[in-house]
Protein backbone atom coordinates (compact mmCIF):
# COMPACT_ATOMS: atom_id res chain seq x y z
CA MET A 1 0.22 -0.28 -0.05
CA SER A 2 0.60 3.95 -0.63
CA TYR A 3 -0.62 7.35 0.43
CA HIS A 4 -0.30 10.34 -0.66
CA PHE A 5 -1.53 14.18 0.43
CA ASP A 6 -1.77 16.62 -2.57
CA HIS A 7 -4.05 19.62 -2.02
CA VAL A 8 -2.54 21.18 -5.54
CA LYS A 9 -4.91 17.49 -6.56
CA GLY A 10 -6.80 16.57 -3.92
CA VAL A 11 -6.33 14.59 -0.80
CA ARG A 12 -5.25 11.59 1.44
CA VAL A 13 -5.96 8.30 -0.26
CA LYS A 14 -4.56 5.30 -0.04
CA HIS A 15 -3.50 3.39 -3.30
CA SER A 16 -2.83 -0.54 -4.35
CA LYS A 17 -1.55 -2.62 -6.71
CA MET A 18 -5.49 -3.85 -7.39
CA MET A 19 -6.60 -0.67 -7.95
CA VAL A 20 -8.85 -0.60 -11.12
CA ASN A 21 -7.61 3.23 -12.86
CA SER A 22 -8.93 4.96 -16.09
CA GLU A 23 -7.05 3.57 -18.24
CA ASP A 24 -7.00 0.43 -16.55
CA PRO A 25 -7.47 -1.79 -20.10
CA ARG A 26 -9.80 -4.54 -18.06
CA VAL A 27 -12.35 -0.97 -18.32
CA ALA A 28 -10.55 1.16 -20.47
CA HIS A 29 -12.98 -0.17 -23.61
CA LEU A 30 -16.81 0.23 -21.17
CA SER A 31 -19.21 2.45 -21.57
CA ARG A 32 -18.79 5.41 -18.90
CA ALA A 33 -22.69 4.09 -17.78
CA GLN A 34 -21.38 0.53 -17.63
CA LEU A 35 -18.38 1.34 -15.91
CA GLN A 36 -20.73 4.18 -13.74
CA ARG A 37 -22.91 0.17 -12.73
CA LEU A 38 -19.42 -1.32 -11.37
CA MET A 39 -18.16 2.18 -9.39
CA ALA A 40 -21.91 1.46 -7.47
CA ILE A 41 -20.90 -2.06 -6.77
CA ASP A 42 -17.97 -1.34 -5.95
CA PHE A 43 -18.96 1.43 -3.55
CA ARG A 44 -21.99 -0.48 -2.36
CA ALA A 45 -19.76 -3.69 -1.07
CA TYR A 46 -17.26 -1.42 0.22
CA PHE A 47 -19.07 1.94 2.60
CA LEU A 48 -22.39 -0.13 3.18
CA GLY A 49 -21.53 -3.86 3.19
CA GLN A 50 -24.32 -4.99 0.10
CA PHE A 51 -25.84 -4.38 -2.95
CA SER A 52 -28.81 -6.03 -4.57
CA ARG A 53 -29.55 -6.50 -8.44
CA ALA A 54 -32.91 -4.64 -7.66
CA GLU A 55 -31.39 -1.17 -6.53
CA ILE A 56 -29.17 -1.22 -9.12
CA ALA A 57 -31.43 -1.17 -12.11
CA GLU A 58 -33.33 0.95 -10.15
CA ARG A 59 -30.50 3.64 -9.94
CA PHE A 60 -29.97 2.99 -13.71
CA GLY A 61 -32.84 2.83 -15.14
CA VAL A 62 -31.16 -0.71 -17.02
CA ALA A 63 -32.79 -4.04 -17.08
CA ALA A 64 -32.26 -6.89 -14.02
CA VAL A 65 -30.16 -8.21 -17.08
CA SER A 66 -27.99 -5.76 -17.04
CA VAL A 67 -27.26 -6.20 -13.96
CA THR A 68 -26.39 -9.41 -13.74
CA ARG A 69 -23.64 -9.36 -16.40
CA ASP A 70 -22.69 -6.00 -14.43
CA ILE A 71 -22.16 -8.15 -11.47
CA ALA A 72 -21.16 -11.00 -13.52
CA TYR A 73 -18.09 -8.68 -15.19
CA TYR A 74 -17.50 -7.15 -11.55
CA ARG A 75 -16.70 -11.04 -10.46
CA GLU A 76 -14.94 -12.63 -13.30
CA THR A 77 -13.16 -10.08 -15.10
CA LEU A 78 -12.50 -7.38 -12.26
CA GLY A 79 -11.74 -9.96 -9.59
CA GLY A 80 -14.40 -8.73 -7.11
CA HIS A 81 -15.43 -10.67 -4.21
CA ILE A 82 -18.88 -10.02 -3.25
CA GLU A 83 -20.97 -13.78 -3.07
CA LEU A 84 -24.59 -13.45 -3.40
CA GLU A 85 -26.39 -14.24 -0.29
CA LYS A 86 -29.52 -16.55 -1.55
CA ARG A 87 -32.09 -15.54 1.40
CA SER A 88 -32.02 -11.85 1.25
CA LYS A 89 -31.37 -11.42 -2.46
CA HIS A 90 -27.65 -9.22 -0.99
CA TYR A 91 -25.03 -9.70 -2.52
CA ARG A 92 -21.99 -8.91 0.32
CA PRO A 93 -18.08 -8.75 0.69
CA GLY A 94 -16.71 -11.69 0.63
CA LYS A 95 -13.88 -12.90 2.98
CA GLU A 96 -11.00 -11.71 0.69
CA PHE A 97 -13.04 -8.46 -0.64
CA GLN A 98 -10.78 -5.46 -1.19
CA PRO A 99 -12.58 -2.95 -3.45
CA VAL A 100 -12.01 -2.45 -6.76
CA PHE A 101 -12.02 1.26 -7.45
CA THR A 102 -10.10 3.69 -5.87
CA HIS A 103 -12.45 5.66 -3.93
CA ASP A 104 -11.62 8.95 -2.43
CA PRO A 105 -12.28 9.44 1.54
CA ALA A 106 -13.50 13.00 1.01
CA ARG A 107 -16.18 12.67 -1.65
CA ALA A 108 -17.30 9.01 -0.16
CA LEU A 109 -17.75 10.17 3.16
CA ARG A 110 -20.01 13.17 1.71
CA THR A 111 -21.84 10.45 -0.49
CA LEU A 112 -22.81 8.53 2.61
CA SER A 113 -23.49 11.86 4.61
CA ARG A 114 -25.44 14.06 1.87
CA GLY A 115 -25.23 11.95 -0.95
CA GLY A 116 -24.29 13.28 -4.24
CA ASN A 117 -23.11 11.31 -7.47
CA ASP A 118 -19.48 9.48 -6.21
CA GLY A 119 -18.55 6.16 -6.24
CA GLY A 120 -21.36 6.30 -9.56
CA TRP A 121 -23.97 6.33 -6.77
CA GLU A 122 -26.54 9.48 -7.12
CA THR A 123 -29.34 9.83 -4.55
CA GLY A 124 -30.43 12.58 -2.99
CA GLU A 125 -30.25 12.28 0.18
CA ALA A 126 -27.70 10.45 3.16
CA LEU A 127 -26.87 6.76 2.94
CA LEU A 128 -25.89 7.66 6.59
CA ILE A 129 -27.41 8.86 9.46
CA ALA A 130 -24.58 11.36 9.74
CA GLU A 131 -25.30 15.30 11.11
CA VAL A 132 -23.05 18.10 8.91
CA PRO A 133 -22.55 21.07 11.16
CA PRO A 134 -24.50 24.32 8.20
CA ARG A 135 -21.78 26.59 6.58
CA LEU A 136 -22.14 29.78 7.73
CA SER A 137 -20.16 31.84 4.10
CA LEU A 138 -22.05 30.72 1.08
CA PRO A 139 -21.40 33.58 -2.23
CA SER A 140 -25.09 35.11 -3.59
CA THR A 141 -25.65 32.71 -6.88
CA ASN A 142 -25.48 35.56 -8.60
CA ILE A 143 -21.53 36.74 -7.56
CA LEU A 144 -20.07 33.64 -8.55
CA ALA A 145 -22.30 33.36 -11.31
CA ALA A 146 -20.68 36.37 -12.90
CA VAL A 147 -17.34 35.43 -11.52
CA SER A 148 -17.80 32.08 -13.20
CA ARG A 149 -17.97 33.20 -16.51
CA SER A 150 -15.13 35.14 -15.79
CA VAL A 151 -12.86 32.95 -14.81
CA PHE A 152 -14.17 30.48 -17.88
CA ARG A 153 -14.38 32.92 -20.29
CA ARG A 154 -11.20 34.80 -19.86
CA TYR A 155 -12.29 38.57 -19.16
CA PRO A 156 -11.49 41.42 -16.36
CA LEU A 157 -14.77 41.88 -14.39
CA ARG A 158 -15.20 44.63 -12.09
CA ILE A 159 -16.16 44.24 -9.25
CA GLN A 160 -17.36 46.82 -5.50
CA TYR A 161 -15.88 44.75 -3.02
CA HIS A 162 -15.41 45.26 0.70
CA SER A 163 -12.39 44.76 2.69
CA PHE A 164 -11.79 45.87 6.27
CA SER A 165 -8.67 47.66 5.59
CA SER A 166 -9.95 49.82 2.22
CA GLY A 167 -13.62 49.56 3.13
CA CYS A 168 -16.44 49.69 0.19
CA VAL A 169 -14.09 50.01 -3.25
CA GLU A 170 -14.24 49.43 -7.08
CA ARG A 171 -11.40 47.03 -8.67
CA GLU A 172 -11.17 45.93 -11.80
CA ILE A 173 -9.72 41.95 -11.94
CA VAL A 174 -8.57 39.92 -14.39
CA PRO A 175 -10.54 36.25 -12.47
CA PHE A 176 -8.24 32.70 -13.10
CA ALA A 177 -9.67 30.74 -10.35
CA LEU A 178 -11.40 30.08 -7.36
CA ALA A 179 -10.13 28.39 -4.13
CA PHE A 180 -12.12 27.43 -1.04
CA ASN A 181 -9.71 28.09 2.31
CA GLY A 182 -12.12 25.39 3.97
CA LEU A 183 -13.92 28.29 5.36
CA ARG A 184 -14.69 30.22 2.31
CA TRP A 185 -14.80 30.48 -1.31
CA HIS A 186 -12.36 33.19 -2.52
CA VAL A 187 -11.59 33.92 -6.44
CA ARG A 188 -7.82 34.08 -7.53
CA ALA A 189 -7.20 37.61 -9.82
CA PHE A 190 -5.23 39.48 -10.40
CA ASP A 191 -5.86 43.03 -8.67
CA ARG A 192 -5.02 46.46 -11.72
CA ARG A 193 -5.60 48.85 -8.81
CA ARG A 194 -2.71 47.02 -6.19
CA GLU A 195 -1.12 45.57 -10.22
CA LYS A 196 -0.23 41.96 -8.04
CA PHE A 197 -2.59 38.65 -7.22
CA SER A 198 -4.90 38.47 -4.99
CA ASP A 199 -7.52 36.38 -2.83
CA PHE A 200 -11.10 38.12 -3.21
CA VAL A 201 -13.03 36.95 -1.05
CA LEU A 202 -16.79 35.84 -2.83
CA THR A 203 -18.93 36.81 -0.09
CA ARG A 204 -17.24 40.67 0.15
CA ILE A 205 -18.52 41.24 -3.73
CA ASP A 206 -21.74 43.30 -4.03
CA THR A 207 -21.43 44.02 -7.78
CA ALA A 208 -19.66 42.23 -10.33
CA ASN A 209 -20.20 43.22 -13.65
CA ALA A 210 -17.70 42.68 -16.83
CA GLY A 211 -14.82 45.24 -16.88
CA THR A 212 -14.15 47.94 -19.54
CA GLY A 213 -9.90 48.33 -18.68
CA GLY A 214 -9.01 46.43 -21.66
CA ALA A 215 -8.35 43.43 -22.68
CA ILE A 216 -5.64 40.92 -20.76
CA GLN A 217 -2.44 41.44 -20.61
CA ASP A 218 0.40 39.00 -20.54
CA PHE A 219 1.31 40.03 -17.15
CA GLU A 220 -1.80 39.56 -15.68
CA CYS A 221 -2.26 35.57 -16.70
CA PRO A 222 -2.08 33.20 -13.95
CA GLU A 223 1.01 31.29 -15.53
CA HIS A 224 2.49 35.43 -14.04
CA ASP A 225 1.49 34.39 -10.48
CA LEU A 226 4.43 33.24 -8.99
CA GLU A 227 2.51 32.10 -5.03
CA TRP A 228 -0.10 30.13 -7.17
CA ASN A 229 2.25 28.26 -10.03
CA ARG A 230 4.91 27.82 -6.42
CA VAL A 231 4.15 24.59 -4.45
CA ILE A 232 6.11 24.41 -0.91
CA GLU A 233 5.91 20.89 0.36
CA LEU A 234 4.58 21.67 4.52
CA GLU A 235 5.74 19.17 7.82
CA LEU A 236 4.01 18.59 9.99
CA ALA A 237 3.83 16.85 13.21
CA PRO A 238 3.05 16.36 15.75
CA HIS A 239 2.92 19.50 18.58
CA PRO A 240 5.45 19.45 21.45
CA LYS A 241 3.53 19.11 24.56
CA GLU A 242 1.28 16.99 23.52
CA GLU A 243 1.40 13.99 26.31
CA TYR A 244 0.69 11.95 23.40
CA PRO A 245 2.34 12.28 20.17
CA TYR A 246 0.57 8.16 19.14
CA ILE A 247 -2.92 9.37 20.13
CA VAL A 248 -1.93 13.24 17.26
CA ALA A 249 -0.21 10.91 14.39
CA MET A 250 -3.32 8.15 14.09
CA ASP A 251 -5.41 11.44 14.07
CA TYR A 252 -3.34 12.50 11.01
CA GLY A 253 -2.52 9.03 9.54
CA MET A 254 1.20 10.33 9.86
CA ARG A 255 4.19 8.19 9.19
CA ALA A 256 7.50 8.28 11.25
CA GLY A 257 6.01 10.42 12.81
CA THR A 258 5.54 12.87 10.22
CA LEU A 259 2.86 14.01 7.44
CA LYS A 260 4.34 15.92 4.31
CA VAL A 261 1.49 17.80 2.30
CA ARG A 262 1.65 19.90 -0.40
CA VAL A 263 0.04 22.73 -1.38
CA ARG A 264 0.46 25.73 -3.61
CA ALA A 265 1.75 28.30 -1.08
CA ALA A 266 -1.39 30.53 -2.38
CA LEU A 267 -2.92 29.06 -0.41
CA ALA A 268 -0.85 26.84 2.47
CA PRO A 269 -1.75 29.70 5.12
CA TYR A 270 -5.80 29.06 4.41
CA PHE A 271 -4.69 25.84 5.39
CA LEU A 272 -2.69 26.17 7.85
CA ARG A 273 -5.58 28.23 9.72
CA GLN A 274 -7.83 25.80 9.09
CA TRP A 275 -6.03 23.27 11.34
CA ILE A 276 -5.29 25.82 13.27
CA VAL A 277 -1.38 24.31 13.13
CA ASP A 278 1.54 26.30 15.72
CA CYS A 279 3.71 27.72 13.49
CA SER A 280 6.11 29.26 15.72
CA GLU A 281 10.09 28.26 14.39
CA HIS A 282 9.97 27.58 18.45
CA HIS A 283 7.07 25.70 19.14
CA LEU A 284 5.65 28.46 21.77
CA LEU A 285 1.81 28.08 21.29
CA ASP A 286 0.21 26.03 24.39
CA GLY A 287 -2.86 26.26 23.63
CA ALA A 288 -5.47 22.96 24.15
CA GLU A 289 -6.19 23.66 20.61
CA TYR A 290 -3.17 23.44 19.22
CA ARG A 291 -2.35 19.29 17.94
CA LEU A 292 0.16 19.89 15.12
CA TRP A 293 3.06 22.18 14.53
CA LEU A 294 5.23 23.41 11.49
CA ARG A 295 8.57 22.02 11.70
CA ASN A 296 10.07 23.42 8.24
CA SER A 297 8.17 26.63 9.20
CA PRO A 298 10.55 28.87 7.16
CA ILE A 299 9.27 27.44 3.80
CA LEU A 300 6.60 30.38 4.54
CA TYR A 301 9.03 33.35 4.56
CA GLY A 302 7.79 35.68 2.10
CA ILE A 303 4.55 34.07 0.94
CA SER A 304 2.31 37.28 1.07
CA GLY A 305 -0.04 36.15 3.50
CA ALA A 306 2.00 34.05 6.04
CA HIS A 307 0.22 36.45 8.61
CA LEU A 308 -2.18 34.32 8.68
CA ALA A 309 -0.19 31.41 9.77
CA PRO A 310 -0.86 30.69 13.83
CA GLY A 311 2.23 31.92 15.20
CA TYR A 312 4.30 32.31 12.26
CA ASN A 313 6.82 35.53 12.95
CA ALA A 314 8.90 36.18 9.12
CA VAL A 315 11.78 37.38 11.59
CA ASP A 316 12.41 35.17 13.60
CA ASN A 317 12.37 33.08 10.91
CA GLN A 318 14.30 35.16 8.14
CA SER A 319 17.98 33.77 9.49
CA SER A 320 17.02 30.15 8.72
CA PHE A 321 15.39 29.88 5.28
CA ASN A 322 17.75 28.96 2.36
CA PHE A 323 17.65 31.47 -0.39
């Protein structure tokens, strides 16, 4: 087994050499519909411990005979170890069962707790009893649509924006990506007023209309956003004050006492703030909430939003930074 935790491309997942991917010749020739049915079979066997032929047929609107063929393909070609319990007419994992497909933990949890179309299983209802806290910060649909159109079609946007430092100011920006910091949605954009790349919180945008400042210039394009394109590796460790560091290691799936996370430099301060990581060089923060410590805090030196990282002090880290 191998593990990967990459916040540039996704979240931490466990891989097995037996896992099937889209390039596997056993599935590359299959239609999208059949592949989704096979993923649904795998998902329910893995996370719910059972499924019936009728459930799959009803979900995808196909005849039972098609599902019969899918189950046979899953067992015989993909090596899925499931067994039919004749009394209940449910298929259940066998003793040697291992999932055939890779299931992202975050998506699996979303499907189980809120429904969705992950794992080929689409439903508007949760599959398990689960409680998810309400989200306090959501942008208006009109603002989100205006921003997403600008990102997709690549044109400047004129916005009325509220900030704690400047109050309400009209800005013209060149958006190129959406970003979620764990609490709020931002748009990453070139700010023509300040002539720099920056983040704008969607809920702080009052109005958004097509810009009037001319075509996008080369220096305003995302390939010139150094902090967005720079990927850094954060080394997270149990906070030295912890009496039982092995429990922290269990919580975060650490190996050899460290969890290495790759993340865009522009988003690193948000990530560290969300996970309440002590970023002081000598682990000076001692609140009970600080379970994690950033072992390589000098990596944050020079990042414009580094002051958001708990405990980080650029002066303390300057001497340790390798230029």
